[in-house]
């Protein structure tokens, strides 16, 4: 039996959550990075007795389209799968239900689901510093319950009920596209790390707004802090979300 994390975590919040879950099991973990645009996902070999943690951030209440495309290329081989969606304290809406359907279509057996909070990747004042110690304690408790369910054998026959709606809510486009300022040194790290291949190979300061998914990976990876989104637009969006994002939401387990 192997433990595999298959995750789409452009800015690291989703990885923090999945690491907290899998570390609780004390078993070596392999990682498959869904942000890698060059990787051949059809080459992944998953055995039926493996345990897979499949994790994505919620983008506007949906699974990121790039993650969907890449997961669909993986053969789950009926391996038991824990799905995780991570969101910035607003709402995850249809993300978990969509991720469950994607996972099952790829041949995974979904046995548990987690909705978890991490710091918002654009409006950092929301869920700042999360997952915090309280979150990690809850996630470790979830991990124990999930492993108990798997080890009991009940997981193989149980039917999991996930919140969400179908048809899913309409996916929103990339509203905030990071741009490079004068501090850019043309190091190319933004180009190398962009999950959507939206940054020009010839001119790293040019971003294709039609390809960009507003994941903020280039912002996080830039060593000069030269890539930013429009501050005025962020302020307007943050004000619109203030009421729904200001009250602390807790992690949720479906098992």
C-alpha atoms as a PDB file:
ATOM      1  CA  UNK A   1       0.000   0.000   0.000  1.00  0.00           C
ATOM      2  CA  UNK A   2       1.228   3.463  -0.900  1.00  0.00           C
ATOM      3  CA  UNK A   3      -0.005   6.905   0.143  1.00  0.00           C
ATOM      4  CA  UNK A   4      -0.171   9.429  -2.694  1.00  0.00           C
ATOM      5  CA  UNK A   5      -0.971  13.107  -2.605  1.00  0.00           C
ATOM      6  CA  UNK A   6      -2.282  14.348  -5.944  1.00  0.00           C
ATOM      7  CA  UNK A   7      -2.667  18.068  -5.542  1.00  0.00           C
ATOM      8  CA  UNK A   8      -3.112  21.369  -7.325  1.00  0.00           C
ATOM      9  CA  UNK A   9      -1.562  23.920  -4.965  1.00  0.00           C
ATOM     10  CA  UNK A  10      -0.212  26.985  -6.794  1.00  0.00           C
ATOM     11  CA  UNK A  11       0.465  29.079  -3.672  1.00  0.00           C
ATOM     12  CA  UNK A  12       0.948  26.344  -1.077  1.00  0.00           C
ATOM     13  CA  UNK A  13      -2.234  26.567   1.004  1.00  0.00           C
ATOM     14  CA  UNK A  14      -3.708  23.329  -0.320  1.00  0.00           C
ATOM     15  CA  UNK A  15      -0.409  21.529   0.265  1.00  0.00           C
ATOM     16  CA  UNK A  16      -0.330  22.723   3.902  1.00  0.00           C
ATOM     17  CA  UNK A  17      -3.724  21.128   4.449  1.00  0.00           C
ATOM     18  CA  UNK A  18      -2.893  17.813   2.754  1.00  0.00           C
ATOM     19  CA  UNK A  19       0.474  17.584   4.520  1.00  0.00           C
ATOM     20  CA  UNK A  20      -1.281  17.987   7.870  1.00  0.00           C
ATOM     21  CA  UNK A  21      -3.660  15.148   7.020  1.00  0.00           C
ATOM     22  CA  UNK A  22      -1.087  12.669   5.707  1.00  0.00           C
ATOM     23  CA  UNK A  23       1.583  13.413   8.323  1.00  0.00           C
ATOM     24  CA  UNK A  24      -0.856  12.190  10.972  1.00  0.00           C
ATOM     25  CA  UNK A  25      -0.694   8.693   9.485  1.00  0.00           C
ATOM     26  CA  UNK A  26       3.052   8.322   9.945  1.00  0.00           C
ATOM     27  CA  UNK A  27       3.432   6.597   6.562  1.00  0.00           C
ATOM     28  CA  UNK A  28       5.774   7.735   3.739  1.00  0.00           C
ATOM     29  CA  UNK A  29       3.923   9.824   1.147  1.00  0.00           C
ATOM     30  CA  UNK A  30       4.544  10.363  -2.575  1.00  0.00           C
ATOM     31  CA  UNK A  31       3.417  13.596  -4.228  1.00  0.00           C
ATOM     32  CA  UNK A  32       2.080  14.290  -7.716  1.00  0.00           C
ATOM     33  CA  UNK A  33       2.007  18.002  -8.552  1.00  0.00           C
ATOM     34  CA  UNK A  34      -0.927  18.920 -10.782  1.00  0.00           C
ATOM     35  CA  UNK A  35       0.513  22.395 -11.408  1.00  0.00           C
ATOM     36  CA  UNK A  36       3.228  20.874 -13.618  1.00  0.00           C
ATOM     37  CA  UNK A  37       2.178  21.728 -17.175  1.00  0.00           C
ATOM     38  CA  UNK A  38       4.833  19.485 -18.742  1.00  0.00           C
ATOM     39  CA  UNK A  39       4.126  16.253 -16.853  1.00  0.00           C
ATOM     40  CA  UNK A  40       2.534  13.242 -18.565  1.00  0.00           C
ATOM     41  CA  UNK A  41      -0.309  12.396 -16.171  1.00  0.00           C
ATOM     42  CA  UNK A  42      -1.272   9.313 -18.182  1.00  0.00           C
ATOM     43  CA  UNK A  43       2.000   7.744 -16.990  1.00  0.00           C
ATOM     44  CA  UNK A  44       0.932   7.634 -13.327  1.00  0.00           C
ATOM     45  CA  UNK A  45       0.547   4.109 -11.987  1.00  0.00           C
ATOM     46  CA  UNK A  46      -1.919   3.704  -9.118  1.00  0.00           C
ATOM     47  CA  UNK A  47      -2.549   0.348  -7.474  1.00  0.00           C
ATOM     48  CA  UNK A  48      -5.940  -0.705  -6.133  1.00  0.00           C
ATOM     49  CA  UNK A  49      -4.655  -0.920  -2.545  1.00  0.00           C
ATOM     50  CA  UNK A  50      -3.136   2.594  -2.609  1.00  0.00           C
ATOM     51  CA  UNK A  51      -4.671   5.450  -0.613  1.00  0.00           C
ATOM     52  CA  UNK A  52      -4.899   8.711  -2.534  1.00  0.00           C
ATOM     53  CA  UNK A  53      -5.470  12.221  -1.201  1.00  0.00           C
ATOM     54  CA  UNK A  54      -6.780  14.319  -4.097  1.00  0.00           C
ATOM     55  CA  UNK A  55      -6.736  18.017  -3.260  1.00  0.00           C
ATOM     56  CA  UNK A  56      -7.557  21.280  -5.046  1.00  0.00           C
ATOM     57  CA  UNK A  57      -8.340  24.883  -4.113  1.00  0.00           C
ATOM     58  CA  UNK A  58     -11.840  26.195  -4.738  1.00  0.00           C
ATOM     59  CA  UNK A  59     -11.854  28.839  -7.475  1.00  0.00           C
ATOM     60  CA  UNK A  60     -15.169  30.676  -7.381  1.00  0.00           C
ATOM     61  CA  UNK A  61     -16.894  27.597  -5.960  1.00  0.00           C
ATOM     62  CA  UNK A  62     -15.548  25.246  -8.650  1.00  0.00           C
ATOM     63  CA  UNK A  63     -12.611  22.924  -9.284  1.00  0.00           C
ATOM     64  CA  UNK A  64      -9.895  24.737 -11.296  1.00  0.00           C
ATOM     65  CA  UNK A  65     -10.303  23.717 -14.932  1.00  0.00           C
ATOM     66  CA  UNK A  66      -6.625  22.803 -15.308  1.00  0.00           C
ATOM     67  CA  UNK A  67      -6.881  20.438 -12.350  1.00  0.00           C
ATOM     68  CA  UNK A  68      -9.943  18.812 -13.921  1.00  0.00           C
ATOM     69  CA  UNK A  69      -8.111  18.252 -17.202  1.00  0.00           C
ATOM     70  CA  UNK A  70      -5.088  16.704 -15.518  1.00  0.00           C
ATOM     71  CA  UNK A  71      -6.986  14.488 -13.070  1.00  0.00           C
ATOM     72  CA  UNK A  72      -9.039  13.114 -15.972  1.00  0.00           C
ATOM     73  CA  UNK A  73      -5.839  11.680 -17.479  1.00  0.00           C
ATOM     74  CA  UNK A  74      -5.095   9.570 -14.364  1.00  0.00           C
ATOM     75  CA  UNK A  75      -6.448   6.027 -13.987  1.00  0.00           C
ATOM     76  CA  UNK A  76      -7.618   5.628 -10.385  1.00  0.00           C
ATOM     77  CA  UNK A  77      -7.860   1.817 -10.570  1.00  0.00           C
ATOM     78  CA  UNK A  78     -10.521   1.858  -7.797  1.00  0.00           C
ATOM     79  CA  UNK A  79      -7.994   3.058  -5.214  1.00  0.00           C
ATOM     80  CA  UNK A  80      -9.571   4.546  -2.086  1.00  0.00           C
ATOM     81  CA  UNK A  81      -9.501   8.327  -2.322  1.00  0.00           C
ATOM     82  CA  UNK A  82      -9.936  11.208   0.105  1.00  0.00           C
ATOM     83  CA  UNK A  83     -10.953  14.397  -1.700  1.00  0.00           C
ATOM     84  CA  UNK A  84      -9.998  17.783  -0.262  1.00  0.00           C
ATOM     85  CA  UNK A  85     -11.048  21.259  -1.316  1.00  0.00           C
ATOM     86  CA  UNK A  86      -9.397  24.304   0.234  1.00  0.00           C
ATOM     87  CA  UNK A  87     -10.914  27.781   0.211  1.00  0.00           C
ATOM     88  CA  UNK A  88     -10.205  31.251   1.563  1.00  0.00           C
ATOM     89  CA  UNK A  89     -13.063  31.464   4.098  1.00  0.00           C
ATOM     90  CA  UNK A  90     -15.746  32.576   1.612  1.00  0.00           C
ATOM     91  CA  UNK A  91     -17.524  29.401   0.383  1.00  0.00           C
ATOM     92  CA  UNK A  92     -16.595  26.232  -1.480  1.00  0.00           C
ATOM     93  CA  UNK A  93     -20.069  25.852  -3.042  1.00  0.00           C
ATOM     94  CA  UNK A  94     -19.954  23.061  -5.685  1.00  0.00           C
ATOM     95  CA  UNK A  95     -16.219  22.297  -5.455  1.00  0.00           C
ATOM     96  CA  UNK A  96     -16.440  19.117  -3.368  1.00  0.00           C
ATOM     97  CA  UNK A  97     -19.304  17.625  -5.357  1.00  0.00           C
ATOM     98  CA  UNK A  98     -17.540  18.399  -8.624  1.00  0.00           C
ATOM     99  CA  UNK A  99     -14.253  16.946  -7.349  1.00  0.00           C
ATOM    100  CA  UNK A 100     -16.027  13.769  -6.223  1.00  0.00           C
ATOM    101  CA  UNK A 101     -17.576  13.345  -9.676  1.00  0.00           C
ATOM    102  CA  UNK A 102     -14.240  13.983 -11.392  1.00  0.00           C
ATOM    103  CA  UNK A 103     -12.474  11.482  -9.129  1.00  0.00           C
ATOM    104  CA  UNK A 104     -15.084   8.782  -9.652  1.00  0.00           C
ATOM    105  CA  UNK A 105     -15.033   9.311 -13.423  1.00  0.00           C
ATOM    106  CA  UNK A 106     -11.277   8.708 -13.285  1.00  0.00           C
ATOM    107  CA  UNK A 107     -11.843   5.430 -11.439  1.00  0.00           C
ATOM    108  CA  UNK A 108     -11.213   6.387  -7.802  1.00  0.00           C
ATOM    109  CA  UNK A 109     -13.366   5.155  -4.906  1.00  0.00           C
ATOM    110  CA  UNK A 110     -14.103   8.292  -2.853  1.00  0.00           C
ATOM    111  CA  UNK A 111     -14.322   7.341   0.830  1.00  0.00           C
ATOM    112  CA  UNK A 112     -14.082  10.706   2.604  1.00  0.00           C
ATOM    113  CA  UNK A 113     -14.130  14.416   1.848  1.00  0.00           C
ATOM    114  CA  UNK A 114     -12.670  17.443   3.583  1.00  0.00           C
ATOM    115  CA  UNK A 115     -13.410  21.140   3.096  1.00  0.00           C
ATOM    116  CA  UNK A 116     -10.610  23.143   4.696  1.00  0.00           C
ATOM    117  CA  UNK A 117      -9.622  26.773   5.144  1.00  0.00           C
ATOM    118  CA  UNK A 118      -6.349  28.388   4.053  1.00  0.00           C
ATOM    119  CA  UNK A 119      -5.308  32.000   3.663  1.00  0.00           C
ATOM    120  CA  UNK A 120      -6.931  33.603   0.622  1.00  0.00           C
ATOM    121  CA  UNK A 121      -4.403  33.635  -2.219  1.00  0.00           C
ATOM    122  CA  UNK A 122      -5.278  37.179  -3.342  1.00  0.00           C
ATOM    123  CA  UNK A 123      -7.010  38.928  -0.418  1.00  0.00           C
ATOM    124  CA  UNK A 124      -4.608  37.826   2.293  1.00  0.00           C
ATOM    125  CA  UNK A 125      -6.543  39.500   5.099  1.00  0.00           C
ATOM    126  CA  UNK A 126      -9.144  36.755   4.815  1.00  0.00           C
ATOM    127  CA  UNK A 127      -8.200  33.569   6.683  1.00  0.00           C
ATOM    128  CA  UNK A 128      -4.778  35.112   7.366  1.00  0.00           C
ATOM    129  CA  UNK A 129      -2.344  32.610   8.844  1.00  0.00           C
ATOM    130  CA  UNK A 130      -4.569  29.625   8.250  1.00  0.00           C
ATOM    131  CA  UNK A 131      -4.382  26.712   8.553  1.00  0.00           C
ATOM    132  CA  UNK A 132      -3.505  27.631  12.151  1.00  0.00           C
ATOM    133  CA  UNK A 133      -2.967  25.378  15.179  1.00  0.00           C
ATOM    134  CA  UNK A 134      -6.716  24.989  15.705  1.00  0.00           C
ATOM    135  CA  UNK A 135      -7.182  23.974  12.071  1.00  0.00           C
ATOM    136  CA  UNK A 136      -4.319  21.499  12.229  1.00  0.00           C
ATOM    137  CA  UNK A 137      -5.737  19.859  15.331  1.00  0.00           C
ATOM    138  CA  UNK A 138      -9.085  19.430  13.572  1.00  0.00           C
ATOM    139  CA  UNK A 139      -7.456  18.081  10.404  1.00  0.00           C
ATOM    140  CA  UNK A 140      -5.396  15.590  12.410  1.00  0.00           C
ATOM    141  CA  UNK A 141      -8.587  14.405  14.092  1.00  0.00           C
ATOM    142  CA  UNK A 142     -10.210  14.014  10.650  1.00  0.00           C
ATOM    143  CA  UNK A 143      -7.185  12.019   9.445  1.00  0.00           C
ATOM    144  CA  UNK A 144      -7.544   9.577  12.339  1.00  0.00           C
ATOM    145  CA  UNK A 145     -11.241   9.017  11.596  1.00  0.00           C
ATOM    146  CA  UNK A 146     -10.571   8.547   7.881  1.00  0.00           C
ATOM    147  CA  UNK A 147      -7.851   5.953   8.485  1.00  0.00           C
ATOM    148  CA  UNK A 148     -10.088   4.105  10.960  1.00  0.00           C
ATOM    149  CA  UNK A 149     -12.816   3.953   8.294  1.00  0.00           C
ATOM    150  CA  UNK A 150     -10.384   2.634   5.682  1.00  0.00           C
ATOM    151  CA  UNK A 151      -8.883   0.036   8.015  1.00  0.00           C
ATOM    152  CA  UNK A 152     -12.343  -1.187   9.077  1.00  0.00           C
ATOM    153  CA  UNK A 153     -13.243  -2.070   5.499  1.00  0.00           C
ATOM    154  CA  UNK A 154     -16.477  -0.064   5.698  1.00  0.00           C
ATOM    155  CA  UNK A 155     -15.118   2.510   3.241  1.00  0.00           C
ATOM    156  CA  UNK A 156     -15.250   0.079   0.330  1.00  0.00           C
ATOM    157  CA  UNK A 157     -19.042  -0.262   0.500  1.00  0.00           C
ATOM    158  CA  UNK A 158     -20.238   3.025   1.995  1.00  0.00           C
ATOM    159  CA  UNK A 159     -21.873   5.758  -0.103  1.00  0.00           C
ATOM    160  CA  UNK A 160     -20.614   9.259   0.595  1.00  0.00           C
ATOM    161  CA  UNK A 161     -22.994  12.221   0.634  1.00  0.00           C
ATOM    162  CA  UNK A 162     -21.378  15.475  -0.515  1.00  0.00           C
ATOM    163  CA  UNK A 163     -22.895  18.990  -0.451  1.00  0.00           C
ATOM    164  CA  UNK A 164     -23.244  20.897  -3.701  1.00  0.00           C
ATOM    165  CA  UNK A 165     -25.486  21.450  -6.670  1.00  0.00           C
ATOM    166  CA  UNK A 166     -25.786  20.031 -10.145  1.00  0.00           C
ATOM    167  CA  UNK A 167     -25.645  21.615 -12.643  1.00  0.00           C
ATOM    168  CA  UNK A 168     -22.654  23.319 -11.040  1.00  0.00           C
ATOM    169  CA  UNK A 169     -22.544  27.070 -10.704  1.00  0.00           C
ATOM    170  CA  UNK A 170     -21.116  28.859 -13.739  1.00  0.00           C
ATOM    171  CA  UNK A 171     -17.327  29.004 -13.659  1.00  0.00           C
ATOM    172  CA  UNK A 172     -15.938  32.516 -13.501  1.00  0.00           C
ATOM    173  CA  UNK A 173     -13.059  33.674 -15.674  1.00  0.00           C
ATOM    174  CA  UNK A 174      -9.715  35.019 -14.527  1.00  0.00           C
ATOM    175  CA  UNK A 175     -10.595  38.393 -13.045  1.00  0.00           C
ATOM    176  CA  UNK A 176      -7.150  39.440 -11.782  1.00  0.00           C
ATOM    177  CA  UNK A 177      -4.121  38.911 -14.000  1.00  0.00           C
ATOM    178  CA  UNK A 178      -0.717  39.608 -12.361  1.00  0.00           C
ATOM    179  CA  UNK A 179       1.586  41.971 -14.215  1.00  0.00           C
ATOM    180  CA  UNK A 180       5.328  42.598 -13.885  1.00  0.00           C
ATOM    181  CA  UNK A 181       6.671  45.984 -12.787  1.00  0.00           C
ATOM    182  CA  UNK A 182      10.099  47.618 -13.100  1.00  0.00           C
ATOM    183  CA  UNK A 183      11.631  45.298 -10.484  1.00  0.00           C
ATOM    184  CA  UNK A 184      11.418  42.391 -12.932  1.00  0.00           C
ATOM    185  CA  UNK A 185      14.910  41.019 -13.736  1.00  0.00           C
ATOM    186  CA  UNK A 186      13.734  38.586 -16.435  1.00  0.00           C
ATOM    187  CA  UNK A 187      14.855  35.585 -14.389  1.00  0.00           C
ATOM    188  CA  UNK A 188      12.085  33.460 -15.961  1.00  0.00           C
ATOM    189  CA  UNK A 189      10.858  31.761 -12.771  1.00  0.00           C
ATOM    190  CA  UNK A 190       7.329  33.000 -13.436  1.00  0.00           C
ATOM    191  CA  UNK A 191       7.383  31.400 -16.883  1.00  0.00           C
ATOM    192  CA  UNK A 192       8.838  28.134 -15.562  1.00  0.00           C
ATOM    193  CA  UNK A 193       6.265  27.836 -12.769  1.00  0.00           C
ATOM    194  CA  UNK A 194       3.050  28.988 -14.453  1.00  0.00           C
ATOM    195  CA  UNK A 195       0.567  26.057 -14.347  1.00  0.00           C
ATOM    196  CA  UNK A 196      -1.368  27.502 -17.281  1.00  0.00           C
ATOM    197  CA  UNK A 197       1.625  28.357 -19.489  1.00  0.00           C
ATOM    198  CA  UNK A 198       0.166  31.855 -19.709  1.00  0.00           C
ATOM    199  CA  UNK A 199       3.472  33.764 -19.566  1.00  0.00           C
ATOM    200  CA  UNK A 200       5.315  34.501 -22.812  1.00  0.00           C
ATOM    201  CA  UNK A 201       8.584  32.635 -23.346  1.00  0.00           C
ATOM    202  CA  UNK A 202       9.914  35.538 -25.408  1.00  0.00           C
ATOM    203  CA  UNK A 203       8.922  38.297 -22.956  1.00  0.00           C
ATOM    204  CA  UNK A 204       8.273  37.307 -19.328  1.00  0.00           C
ATOM    205  CA  UNK A 205       6.412  40.565 -18.716  1.00  0.00           C
ATOM    206  CA  UNK A 206       3.629  39.524 -21.103  1.00  0.00           C
ATOM    207  CA  UNK A 207       0.795  37.351 -19.759  1.00  0.00           C
ATOM    208  CA  UNK A 208      -1.986  35.872 -21.874  1.00  0.00           C
ATOM    209  CA  UNK A 209      -5.121  36.943 -20.005  1.00  0.00           C
ATOM    210  CA  UNK A 210      -7.137  34.232 -21.777  1.00  0.00           C
ATOM    211  CA  UNK A 211      -4.886  31.491 -20.384  1.00  0.00           C
ATOM    212  CA  UNK A 212      -4.255  32.980 -16.926  1.00  0.00           C
ATOM    213  CA  UNK A 213      -6.350  31.387 -14.157  1.00  0.00           C
ATOM    214  CA  UNK A 214      -5.450  33.970 -11.465  1.00  0.00           C
ATOM    215  CA  UNK A 215      -3.768  31.282  -9.349  1.00  0.00           C
ATOM    216  CA  UNK A 216      -1.061  33.721  -8.138  1.00  0.00           C
ATOM    217  CA  UNK A 217       1.729  31.151  -8.580  1.00  0.00           C
ATOM    218  CA  UNK A 218       3.884  33.694 -10.417  1.00  0.00           C
ATOM    219  CA  UNK A 219       3.377  36.231  -7.623  1.00  0.00           C
ATOM    220  CA  UNK A 220       4.530  33.743  -4.975  1.00  0.00           C
ATOM    221  CA  UNK A 221       7.506  32.487  -6.987  1.00  0.00           C
ATOM    222  CA  UNK A 222       8.913  35.885  -8.031  1.00  0.00           C
ATOM    223  CA  UNK A 223      12.109  36.521  -5.983  1.00  0.00           C
ATOM    224  CA  UNK A 224      11.892  40.277  -6.641  1.00  0.00           C
ATOM    225  CA  UNK A 225       8.178  40.634  -5.735  1.00  0.00           C
ATOM    226  CA  UNK A 226       7.833  42.163  -9.181  1.00  0.00           C
ATOM    227  CA  UNK A 227       4.514  40.574 -10.145  1.00  0.00           C
ATOM    228  CA  UNK A 228       1.314  42.049  -8.739  1.00  0.00           C
ATOM    229  CA  UNK A 229      -2.387  42.316  -9.409  1.00  0.00           C
ATOM    230  CA  UNK A 230      -4.235  45.629  -9.639  1.00  0.00           C
ATOM    231  CA  UNK A 231      -4.447  46.935  -6.075  1.00  0.00           C
ATOM    232  CA  UNK A 232      -7.595  48.985  -6.663  1.00  0.00           C
ATOM    233  CA  UNK A 233      -9.420  45.967  -8.087  1.00  0.00           C
ATOM    234  CA  UNK A 234      -8.322  43.825  -5.125  1.00  0.00           C
ATOM    235  CA  UNK A 235      -9.612  46.462  -2.696  1.00  0.00           C
ATOM    236  CA  UNK A 236     -13.001  46.576  -4.419  1.00  0.00           C
ATOM    237  CA  UNK A 237     -13.272  42.767  -4.402  1.00  0.00           C
ATOM    238  CA  UNK A 238     -12.198  42.586  -0.756  1.00  0.00           C
ATOM    239  CA  UNK A 239     -14.831  45.125   0.257  1.00  0.00           C
ATOM    240  CA  UNK A 240     -17.534  43.169  -1.586  1.00  0.00           C
ATOM    241  CA  UNK A 241     -16.507  39.981   0.221  1.00  0.00           C
ATOM    242  CA  UNK A 242     -15.968  41.508   3.660  1.00  0.00           C
ATOM    243  CA  UNK A 243     -19.279  40.454   5.207  1.00  0.00           C
ATOM    244  CA  UNK A 244     -19.134  36.808   4.082  1.00  0.00           C
ATOM    245  CA  UNK A 245     -15.392  36.369   4.728  1.00  0.00           C
ATOM    246  CA  UNK A 246     -14.949  38.071   8.081  1.00  0.00           C
ATOM    247  CA  UNK A 247     -16.586  35.389  10.243  1.00  0.00           C
ATOM    248  CA  UNK A 248     -14.299  32.448  10.884  1.00  0.00           C
ATOM    249  CA  UNK A 249     -15.420  29.250   9.165  1.00  0.00           C
ATOM    250  CA  UNK A 250     -14.291  25.828  10.343  1.00  0.00           C
ATOM    251  CA  UNK A 251     -13.024  22.776   8.504  1.00  0.00           C
ATOM    252  CA  UNK A 252     -15.606  20.146   7.584  1.00  0.00           C
ATOM    253  CA  UNK A 253     -15.400  16.349   7.279  1.00  0.00           C
ATOM    254  CA  UNK A 254     -17.701  14.099   5.259  1.00  0.00           C
ATOM    255  CA  UNK A 255     -17.204  10.435   6.016  1.00  0.00           C
END
